C-alpha atoms as a PDB file:
ATOM      1  CA  MET A   1       1.904 -18.321   0.515  1.00  0.00           C
ATOM      2  CA  ARG A   2      -0.369 -15.667   1.723  1.00  0.00           C
ATOM      3  CA  ASN A   3      -3.405 -17.681   0.826  1.00  0.00           C
ATOM      4  CA  ILE A   4      -2.685 -20.318   2.456  1.00  0.00           C
ATOM      5  CA  ALA A   5      -2.047 -18.611   5.947  1.00  0.00           C
ATOM      6  CA  ASP A   6      -5.291 -16.805   5.298  1.00  0.00           C
ATOM      7  CA  ILE A   7      -7.165 -20.097   4.576  1.00  0.00           C
ATOM      8  CA  ILE A   8      -5.358 -21.211   8.074  1.00  0.00           C
ATOM      9  CA  VAL A   9      -6.511 -18.190  10.194  1.00  0.00           C
ATOM     10  CA  TYR A  10     -10.311 -18.574   8.586  1.00  0.00           C
ATOM     11  CA  ALA A  11     -10.470 -22.438   9.308  1.00  0.00           C
ATOM     12  CA  PHE A  12      -9.165 -21.692  13.007  1.00  0.00           C
ATOM     13  CA  LEU A  13     -11.435 -18.952  13.244  1.00  0.00           C
ATOM     14  CA  PHE A  14     -14.444 -21.599  11.838  1.00  0.00           C
ATOM     15  CA  SER A  15     -13.713 -24.302  14.325  1.00  0.00           C
ATOM     16  CA  ILE A  16     -13.408 -22.217  17.223  1.00  0.00           C
ATOM     17  CA  ILE A  17     -17.401 -20.971  16.034  1.00  0.00           C
ATOM     18  CA  VAL A  18     -18.149 -24.759  15.044  1.00  0.00           C
ATOM     19  CA  TRP A  19     -16.832 -25.770  18.506  1.00  0.00           C
ATOM     20  CA  VAL A  20     -18.849 -23.095  20.856  1.00  0.00           C
ATOM     21  CA  LEU A  21     -21.893 -24.161  19.171  1.00  0.00           C
ATOM     22  CA  ALA A  22     -21.656 -27.561  19.604  1.00  0.00           C
ATOM     23  CA  LYS A  23     -20.719 -27.331  23.315  1.00  0.00           C
ATOM     24  CA  ALA A  24     -23.711 -24.887  23.723  1.00  0.00           C
ATOM     25  CA  PHE A  25     -25.955 -27.484  21.936  1.00  0.00           C
ATOM     26  CA  GLY A  26     -24.535 -30.245  23.934  1.00  0.00           C
ATOM     27  CA  LEU A  27     -22.989 -32.244  21.410  1.00  0.00           C
ATOM     28  CA  ILE A  28     -19.681 -31.830  23.249  1.00  0.00           C
ATOM     29  CA  ASN A  29     -19.280 -33.603  26.368  1.00  0.00           C
ATOM     30  CA  SER A  30     -16.396 -35.426  25.768  1.00  0.00           C
ATOM     31  CA  PRO A  31     -13.757 -33.982  28.144  1.00  0.00           C
ATOM     32  CA  ALA A  32     -10.952 -36.012  26.278  1.00  0.00           C
ATOM     33  CA  LEU A  33     -12.040 -33.471  23.233  1.00  0.00           C
ATOM     34  CA  VAL A  34     -12.360 -30.506  25.682  1.00  0.00           C
ATOM     35  CA  GLU A  35      -8.723 -31.415  27.185  1.00  0.00           C
ATOM     36  CA  MET A  36      -7.333 -31.829  23.481  1.00  0.00           C
ATOM     37  CA  TYR A  37      -8.517 -28.149  21.758  1.00  0.00           C
ATOM     38  CA  PRO A  38      -5.804 -25.911  23.409  1.00  0.00           C
ATOM     39  CA  TYR A  39      -3.111 -28.370  21.675  1.00  0.00           C
ATOM     40  CA  ILE A  40      -4.946 -28.376  18.486  1.00  0.00           C
ATOM     41  CA  ALA A  41      -5.345 -24.431  18.550  1.00  0.00           C
ATOM     42  CA  LEU A  42      -1.468 -24.023  19.636  1.00  0.00           C
ATOM     43  CA  ALA A  43      -0.284 -26.777  16.981  1.00  0.00           C
ATOM     44  CA  ILE A  44      -2.778 -24.496  14.307  1.00  0.00           C
ATOM     45  CA  THR A  45      -1.538 -21.088  15.555  1.00  0.00           C
ATOM     46  CA  ALA A  46       1.675 -22.329  15.545  1.00  0.00           C
ATOM     47  CA  THR A  47       1.197 -23.422  11.459  1.00  0.00           C
ATOM     48  CA  VAL A  48      -0.183 -19.985  10.911  1.00  0.00           C
ATOM     49  CA  ALA A  49       3.066 -18.520  12.435  1.00  0.00           C
ATOM     50  CA  TYR A  50       5.287 -20.767  10.558  1.00  0.00           C
ATOM     51  CA  SER A  51       3.948 -19.726   7.415  1.00  0.00           C
ATOM     52  CA  LYS A  52       3.833 -16.152   7.672  1.00  0.00           C
ATOM     53  CA  LEU A  53       7.346 -16.117   8.519  1.00  0.00           C
ATOM     54  CA  THR A  54       8.185 -18.254   5.356  1.00  0.00           C
ATOM     55  CA  TYR A  55       6.417 -15.929   3.551  1.00  0.00           C
ATOM     56  CA  ASN A  56       8.016 -12.304   4.768  1.00  0.00           C
ATOM     57  CA  GLN A  57      11.225 -14.582   4.414  1.00  0.00           C
ATOM     58  CA  ALA A  58      10.752 -15.241   0.786  1.00  0.00           C
ATOM     59  CA  LYS A  59       9.798 -11.391   0.354  1.00  0.00           C
ATOM     60  CA  LEU A  60      12.950  -9.960   2.020  1.00  0.00           C
ATOM     61  CA  SER A  61      14.721 -12.475  -0.444  1.00  0.00           C
ATOM     62  CA  THR A  62      13.015 -11.133  -3.652  1.00  0.00           C
ATOM     63  CA  ASP A  63      13.632  -7.131  -2.009  1.00  0.00           C
ATOM     64  CA  GLN A  64      17.166  -7.841  -1.515  1.00  0.00           C
ATOM     65  CA  LYS A  65      17.790  -9.162  -5.149  1.00  0.00           C
ATOM     66  CA  HIS A  66      15.718  -5.982  -6.393  1.00  0.00           C
ATOM     67  CA  MET A  67      18.412  -3.584  -4.377  1.00  0.00           C
ATOM     68  CA  MET A  68      21.423  -5.100  -5.682  1.00  0.00           C
ATOM     69  CA  LYS A  69      19.820  -4.662  -9.475  1.00  0.00           C
ATOM     70  CA  SER A  70      19.500  -1.110  -8.373  1.00  0.00           C
ATOM     71  CA  VAL A  71      22.735  -0.516  -6.803  1.00  0.00           C
ATOM     72  CA  GLU A  72      24.618  -2.557 -10.220  1.00  0.00           C
ATOM     73  CA  GLN A  73      22.839   0.504 -12.017  1.00  0.00           C
ATOM     74  CA  ILE A  74      23.958   3.224 -10.478  1.00  0.00           C
ATOM     75  CA  PRO A  75      27.413   3.412 -12.649  1.00  0.00           C
ATOM     76  CA  GLN A  76      25.268   3.488 -15.130  1.00  0.00           C
ATOM     77  CA  ILE A  77      23.189   6.253 -13.566  1.00  0.00           C
ATOM     78  CA  LEU A  78      25.720   8.569 -13.185  1.00  0.00           C
ATOM     79  CA  GLU A  79      27.232   8.197 -16.555  1.00  0.00           C
ATOM     80  CA  ARG A  80      24.504   8.968 -18.173  1.00  0.00           C
ATOM     81  CA  LEU A  81      23.931  12.578 -15.520  1.00  0.00           C
ATOM     82  CA  THR A  82      27.680  12.918 -16.481  1.00  0.00           C
ATOM     83  CA  ARG A  83      26.526  13.230 -19.916  1.00  0.00           C
ATOM     84  CA  ILE A  84      23.570  14.994 -19.835  1.00  0.00           C
ATOM     85  CA  GLU A  85      25.159  17.441 -17.410  1.00  0.00           C
ATOM     86  CA  ALA A  86      27.813  18.138 -20.084  1.00  0.00           C
ATOM     87  CA  LYS A  87      25.171  18.934 -23.005  1.00  0.00           C
ATOM     88  CA  CYS A  88      23.638  21.398 -20.567  1.00  0.00           C
ATOM     89  CA  GLU A  89      26.930  23.069 -19.907  1.00  0.00           C
ATOM     90  CA  GLU A  90      27.459  23.048 -23.778  1.00  0.00           C
ATOM     91  CA  ARG A  91      24.662  24.671 -24.550  1.00  0.00           C
ATOM     92  CA  CYS A  92      24.677  27.309 -21.897  1.00  0.00           C
ATOM     93  CA  ARG A  93      28.083  27.894 -23.426  1.00  0.00           C
ATOM     94  CA  LYS A  94      26.878  28.362 -26.969  1.00  0.00           C
ATOM     95  CA  ARG A  95      23.976  30.910 -25.526  1.00  0.00           C
ATOM     96  CA  LYS A  96      26.660  32.914 -24.257  1.00  0.00           C
END
């Protein structure tokens, strides 16, 4: 989804450059086209914002799943640490 948003941004920037060049060379004389340009730009901007929002929402969902997996592993990690601590204490007693 990230690539689509980047493509839309680049297409928007390209369209601005083409519009400026066409206006400079006199290819665009139509007032209707000039009046519609802000609406087109607004639609493209809204599309980019929406795609970035959905991308970030999907990423947050994935991160939440990874976090829940980690939280579920905490009791197992604590159990392993307890066993390691017990072995270390045992070795320390044998040395004394």
